[in-house]
Amino acid sequence: MIRVTVLYPAGDGQTFDMNYYLKTHIPLYQKRMGAAMTDVRVEQGISGGTPGSAAPYVALVHGTFESVQTFETAFAPHAAEILGDIPNYTNIRPVLQISEVLV
């Protein structure tokens, strides 16, 4: 099993519309990934590791898939649409990581 994580780093001058993300972008992502995505979780950063420090990421989304190939097959036909929606909720350049789930 693999997890596709998209991280949105925090920083000065960056904007992120969580309402749009949760109500429009994530449903779009879920619909386009269909049954290939077995789970999706969204996190909103609230703090860093030191008390009172800012969170290093504004938001993270984790999608779970059986394999990299399963993700790539589901994502490829919809990549332009999904990626094209990013400017509608943020000016942050997202970071993508694909990880193998071990536990």
N, C-alpha and C. Protein backbone atom coordinates (compact mmCIF):
# COMPACT_ATOMS: atom_id res chain seq x y z
N MET A 1 0.85 -1.16 0.00
CA MET A 1 0.00 0.00 0.00
C MET A 1 0.90 1.23 0.00
N ILE A 2 0.45 2.26 -0.71
CA ILE A 2 1.21 3.51 -0.75
C ILE A 2 0.33 4.68 -0.33
N ARG A 3 0.99 5.73 0.09
CA ARG A 3 0.28 6.96 0.45
C ARG A 3 0.86 8.08 -0.38
N VAL A 4 -0.02 8.81 -1.02
CA VAL A 4 0.35 10.01 -1.78
C VAL A 4 0.02 11.19 -0.89
N THR A 5 1.06 11.93 -0.50
CA THR A 5 0.89 13.08 0.39
C THR A 5 1.23 14.35 -0.38
N VAL A 6 0.34 15.32 -0.26
CA VAL A 6 0.58 16.64 -0.83
C VAL A 6 0.68 17.59 0.35
N LEU A 7 1.81 18.30 0.42
CA LEU A 7 2.09 19.22 1.52
C LEU A 7 2.10 20.65 0.99
N TYR A 8 1.52 21.55 1.74
CA TYR A 8 1.47 22.97 1.37
C TYR A 8 2.27 23.75 2.41
N PRO A 9 3.55 24.05 2.11
CA PRO A 9 4.40 24.74 3.07
C PRO A 9 3.87 26.14 3.42
N ALA A 10 3.98 26.49 4.71
CA ALA A 10 3.59 27.82 5.17
C ALA A 10 4.68 28.82 4.82
N GLY A 11 4.30 30.07 4.72
CA GLY A 11 5.28 31.12 4.44
C GLY A 11 4.61 32.47 4.30
N ASP A 12 5.41 33.49 4.36
CA ASP A 12 4.90 34.86 4.23
C ASP A 12 4.26 35.09 2.87
N GLY A 13 3.13 35.77 2.87
CA GLY A 13 2.46 36.14 1.63
C GLY A 13 1.70 35.01 0.96
N GLN A 14 1.65 33.85 1.61
CA GLN A 14 0.96 32.72 1.01
C GLN A 14 -0.49 32.67 1.49
N THR A 15 -1.37 32.28 0.59
CA THR A 15 -2.79 32.19 0.92
C THR A 15 -3.28 30.77 0.69
N PHE A 16 -4.30 30.39 1.46
CA PHE A 16 -4.89 29.06 1.32
C PHE A 16 -6.33 29.15 1.77
N ASP A 17 -7.26 28.83 0.87
CA ASP A 17 -8.70 28.87 1.17
C ASP A 17 -9.14 27.47 1.56
N MET A 18 -9.14 27.20 2.87
CA MET A 18 -9.47 25.85 3.36
C MET A 18 -10.92 25.49 3.03
N ASN A 19 -11.82 26.45 3.06
CA ASN A 19 -13.22 26.17 2.75
C ASN A 19 -13.34 25.65 1.31
N TYR A 20 -12.72 26.32 0.36
CA TYR A 20 -12.75 25.86 -1.03
C TYR A 20 -12.09 24.49 -1.15
N TYR A 21 -10.97 24.33 -0.48
CA TYR A 21 -10.22 23.07 -0.54
C TYR A 21 -11.08 21.90 -0.10
N LEU A 22 -11.76 22.06 1.04
CA LEU A 22 -12.57 20.97 1.59
C LEU A 22 -13.88 20.74 0.83
N LYS A 23 -14.49 21.81 0.35
CA LYS A 23 -15.81 21.69 -0.27
C LYS A 23 -15.78 21.50 -1.78
N THR A 24 -14.66 21.87 -2.42
CA THR A 24 -14.60 21.78 -3.88
C THR A 24 -13.43 20.92 -4.36
N HIS A 25 -12.21 21.24 -3.92
CA HIS A 25 -11.05 20.54 -4.47
C HIS A 25 -10.99 19.08 -4.02
N ILE A 26 -11.15 18.82 -2.75
CA ILE A 26 -11.06 17.43 -2.26
C ILE A 26 -12.18 16.57 -2.86
N PRO A 27 -13.44 17.03 -2.93
CA PRO A 27 -14.45 16.22 -3.62
C PRO A 27 -14.10 15.96 -5.09
N LEU A 28 -13.51 16.94 -5.78
CA LEU A 28 -13.07 16.74 -7.15
C LEU A 28 -12.02 15.63 -7.20
N TYR A 29 -11.03 15.72 -6.32
CA TYR A 29 -9.96 14.71 -6.24
C TYR A 29 -10.54 13.33 -5.95
N GLN A 30 -11.44 13.24 -5.00
CA GLN A 30 -12.07 11.96 -4.66
C GLN A 30 -12.84 11.38 -5.85
N LYS A 31 -13.60 12.22 -6.50
CA LYS A 31 -14.39 11.75 -7.65
C LYS A 31 -13.49 11.25 -8.77
N ARG A 32 -12.45 11.99 -9.09
CA ARG A 32 -11.57 11.59 -10.18
C ARG A 32 -10.73 10.36 -9.85
N MET A 33 -10.35 10.20 -8.59
CA MET A 33 -9.57 9.02 -8.21
C MET A 33 -10.46 7.79 -8.07
N GLY A 34 -11.71 7.98 -7.77
CA GLY A 34 -12.67 6.89 -7.69
C GLY A 34 -12.23 5.79 -6.74
N ALA A 35 -12.53 4.56 -7.11
CA ALA A 35 -12.24 3.41 -6.26
C ALA A 35 -10.74 3.13 -6.12
N ALA A 36 -9.92 3.75 -6.96
CA ALA A 36 -8.46 3.55 -6.87
C ALA A 36 -7.92 4.09 -5.54
N MET A 37 -8.57 5.13 -5.00
CA MET A 37 -8.14 5.72 -3.73
C MET A 37 -8.98 5.11 -2.62
N THR A 38 -8.34 4.38 -1.73
CA THR A 38 -9.07 3.67 -0.68
C THR A 38 -9.34 4.53 0.55
N ASP A 39 -8.62 5.65 0.69
CA ASP A 39 -8.81 6.53 1.84
C ASP A 39 -8.22 7.89 1.51
N VAL A 40 -8.79 8.93 2.10
CA VAL A 40 -8.22 10.27 1.97
C VAL A 40 -8.39 10.97 3.31
N ARG A 41 -7.35 11.69 3.72
CA ARG A 41 -7.36 12.46 4.97
C ARG A 41 -6.78 13.83 4.70
N VAL A 42 -7.38 14.85 5.30
CA VAL A 42 -6.89 16.22 5.17
C VAL A 42 -6.52 16.72 6.57
N GLU A 43 -5.35 17.35 6.67
CA GLU A 43 -4.91 17.93 7.93
C GLU A 43 -4.65 19.42 7.72
N GLN A 44 -4.96 20.21 8.74
CA GLN A 44 -4.66 21.63 8.74
C GLN A 44 -3.62 21.89 9.82
N GLY A 45 -2.50 22.51 9.43
CA GLY A 45 -1.45 22.81 10.40
C GLY A 45 -1.90 23.81 11.43
N ILE A 46 -1.58 23.54 12.70
CA ILE A 46 -1.97 24.46 13.77
C ILE A 46 -0.80 24.92 14.62
N SER A 47 0.33 24.19 14.58
CA SER A 47 1.47 24.58 15.41
C SER A 47 2.71 23.82 14.97
N GLY A 48 3.86 24.38 15.29
CA GLY A 48 5.12 23.69 15.09
C GLY A 48 5.45 22.88 16.34
N GLY A 49 6.65 22.32 16.37
CA GLY A 49 7.06 21.48 17.49
C GLY A 49 7.36 22.22 18.77
N THR A 50 7.68 23.50 18.66
CA THR A 50 7.95 24.33 19.82
C THR A 50 6.68 25.06 20.21
N PRO A 51 6.30 25.07 21.49
CA PRO A 51 5.08 25.77 21.90
C PRO A 51 5.04 27.21 21.37
N GLY A 52 3.92 27.54 20.75
CA GLY A 52 3.72 28.88 20.22
C GLY A 52 4.32 29.12 18.85
N SER A 53 5.00 28.13 18.29
CA SER A 53 5.59 28.32 16.96
C SER A 53 4.57 28.03 15.86
N ALA A 54 4.81 28.62 14.72
CA ALA A 54 3.91 28.44 13.58
C ALA A 54 4.08 27.04 12.98
N ALA A 55 3.01 26.53 12.43
CA ALA A 55 3.05 25.24 11.75
C ALA A 55 3.89 25.36 10.48
N PRO A 56 4.72 24.37 10.18
CA PRO A 56 5.53 24.44 8.96
C PRO A 56 4.71 24.22 7.68
N TYR A 57 3.52 23.63 7.83
CA TYR A 57 2.65 23.38 6.67
C TYR A 57 1.26 23.92 6.96
N VAL A 58 0.67 24.57 5.97
CA VAL A 58 -0.69 25.08 6.08
C VAL A 58 -1.67 23.91 6.05
N ALA A 59 -1.41 22.96 5.15
CA ALA A 59 -2.31 21.82 4.99
C ALA A 59 -1.56 20.64 4.41
N LEU A 60 -2.09 19.46 4.64
CA LEU A 60 -1.58 18.23 4.06
C LEU A 60 -2.77 17.38 3.67
N VAL A 61 -2.65 16.65 2.57
CA VAL A 61 -3.66 15.67 2.20
C VAL A 61 -2.94 14.36 1.94
N HIS A 62 -3.55 13.28 2.44
CA HIS A 62 -2.98 11.94 2.29
C HIS A 62 -4.01 11.06 1.58
N GLY A 63 -3.66 10.56 0.41
CA GLY A 63 -4.50 9.62 -0.31
C GLY A 63 -3.85 8.25 -0.29
N THR A 64 -4.62 7.21 -0.03
CA THR A 64 -4.09 5.86 0.05
C THR A 64 -4.50 5.07 -1.19
N PHE A 65 -3.52 4.36 -1.76
CA PHE A 65 -3.71 3.57 -2.97
C PHE A 65 -3.00 2.23 -2.80
N GLU A 66 -3.39 1.24 -3.56
CA GLU A 66 -2.75 -0.08 -3.49
C GLU A 66 -1.31 -0.05 -3.97
N SER A 67 -1.01 0.75 -4.98
CA SER A 67 0.34 0.78 -5.55
C SER A 67 0.56 2.11 -6.26
N VAL A 68 1.81 2.38 -6.58
CA VAL A 68 2.14 3.58 -7.36
C VAL A 68 1.45 3.50 -8.71
N GLN A 69 1.46 2.34 -9.32
CA GLN A 69 0.82 2.18 -10.62
C GLN A 69 -0.68 2.47 -10.54
N THR A 70 -1.33 2.03 -9.48
CA THR A 70 -2.76 2.31 -9.30
C THR A 70 -3.00 3.82 -9.24
N PHE A 71 -2.17 4.52 -8.46
CA PHE A 71 -2.29 5.97 -8.37
C PHE A 71 -2.05 6.62 -9.73
N GLU A 72 -0.96 6.27 -10.38
CA GLU A 72 -0.61 6.89 -11.66
C GLU A 72 -1.69 6.66 -12.71
N THR A 73 -2.25 5.46 -12.75
CA THR A 73 -3.31 5.13 -13.71
C THR A 73 -4.56 5.96 -13.46
N ALA A 74 -4.90 6.16 -12.18
CA ALA A 74 -6.09 6.94 -11.83
C ALA A 74 -5.86 8.44 -12.03
N PHE A 75 -4.65 8.92 -11.71
CA PHE A 75 -4.37 10.35 -11.72
C PHE A 75 -4.12 10.91 -13.12
N ALA A 76 -3.39 10.18 -13.93
CA ALA A 76 -2.93 10.69 -15.23
C ALA A 76 -4.03 11.30 -16.09
N PRO A 77 -5.19 10.64 -16.26
CA PRO A 77 -6.21 11.22 -17.14
C PRO A 77 -6.82 12.52 -16.60
N HIS A 78 -6.64 12.78 -15.30
CA HIS A 78 -7.27 13.94 -14.66
C HIS A 78 -6.26 14.95 -14.13
N ALA A 79 -4.98 14.72 -14.39
CA ALA A 79 -3.93 15.57 -13.83
C ALA A 79 -4.13 17.04 -14.17
N ALA A 80 -4.41 17.35 -15.41
CA ALA A 80 -4.56 18.75 -15.82
C ALA A 80 -5.71 19.42 -15.06
N GLU A 81 -6.80 18.71 -14.91
CA GLU A 81 -7.96 19.28 -14.20
C GLU A 81 -7.65 19.48 -12.72
N ILE A 82 -7.09 18.47 -12.08
CA ILE A 82 -6.80 18.55 -10.64
C ILE A 82 -5.74 19.62 -10.36
N LEU A 83 -4.65 19.59 -11.10
CA LEU A 83 -3.58 20.57 -10.90
C LEU A 83 -4.03 21.97 -11.30
N GLY A 84 -4.89 22.05 -12.31
CA GLY A 84 -5.40 23.34 -12.76
C GLY A 84 -6.30 24.03 -11.75
N ASP A 85 -6.81 23.27 -10.80
CA ASP A 85 -7.68 23.84 -9.76
C ASP A 85 -6.89 24.49 -8.63
N ILE A 86 -5.60 24.19 -8.53
CA ILE A 86 -4.80 24.70 -7.41
C ILE A 86 -4.87 26.22 -7.26
N PRO A 87 -4.76 27.01 -8.33
CA PRO A 87 -4.83 28.48 -8.16
C PRO A 87 -6.16 28.98 -7.60
N ASN A 88 -7.18 28.13 -7.62
CA ASN A 88 -8.48 28.54 -7.07
C ASN A 88 -8.49 28.56 -5.54
N TYR A 89 -7.51 27.92 -4.89
CA TYR A 89 -7.51 27.91 -3.43
C TYR A 89 -6.18 28.31 -2.80
N THR A 90 -5.10 28.38 -3.57
CA THR A 90 -3.82 28.74 -2.95
C THR A 90 -2.84 29.30 -3.96
N ASN A 91 -1.88 30.05 -3.45
CA ASN A 91 -0.75 30.50 -4.25
C ASN A 91 0.52 29.74 -3.83
N ILE A 92 0.36 28.72 -3.03
CA ILE A 92 1.47 27.90 -2.55
C ILE A 92 1.79 26.82 -3.58
N ARG A 93 3.05 26.61 -3.81
CA ARG A 93 3.48 25.51 -4.69
C ARG A 93 3.53 24.24 -3.84
N PRO A 94 2.63 23.28 -4.09
CA PRO A 94 2.59 22.09 -3.27
C PRO A 94 3.79 21.16 -3.50
N VAL A 95 4.08 20.38 -2.47
CA VAL A 95 5.14 19.37 -2.53
C VAL A 95 4.46 18.01 -2.46
N LEU A 96 4.82 17.12 -3.37
CA LEU A 96 4.21 15.78 -3.42
C LEU A 96 5.24 14.74 -2.98
N GLN A 97 4.77 13.81 -2.16
CA GLN A 97 5.62 12.68 -1.78
C GLN A 97 4.79 11.41 -1.85
N ILE A 98 5.37 10.37 -2.42
CA ILE A 98 4.75 9.05 -2.45
C ILE A 98 5.55 8.16 -1.51
N SER A 99 4.85 7.55 -0.55
CA SER A 99 5.51 6.74 0.47
C SER A 99 4.89 5.35 0.52
N GLU A 100 5.70 4.39 0.91
CA GLU A 100 5.19 3.05 1.19
C GLU A 100 4.72 3.03 2.64
N VAL A 101 3.50 2.56 2.86
CA VAL A 101 2.94 2.47 4.21
C VAL A 101 3.48 1.18 4.84
N LEU A 102 4.18 1.33 5.94
CA LEU A 102 4.79 0.17 6.61
C LEU A 102 4.02 -0.29 7.85
N VAL A 103 3.36 0.64 8.52
CA VAL A 103 2.59 0.29 9.72
C VAL A 103 1.22 0.92 9.60
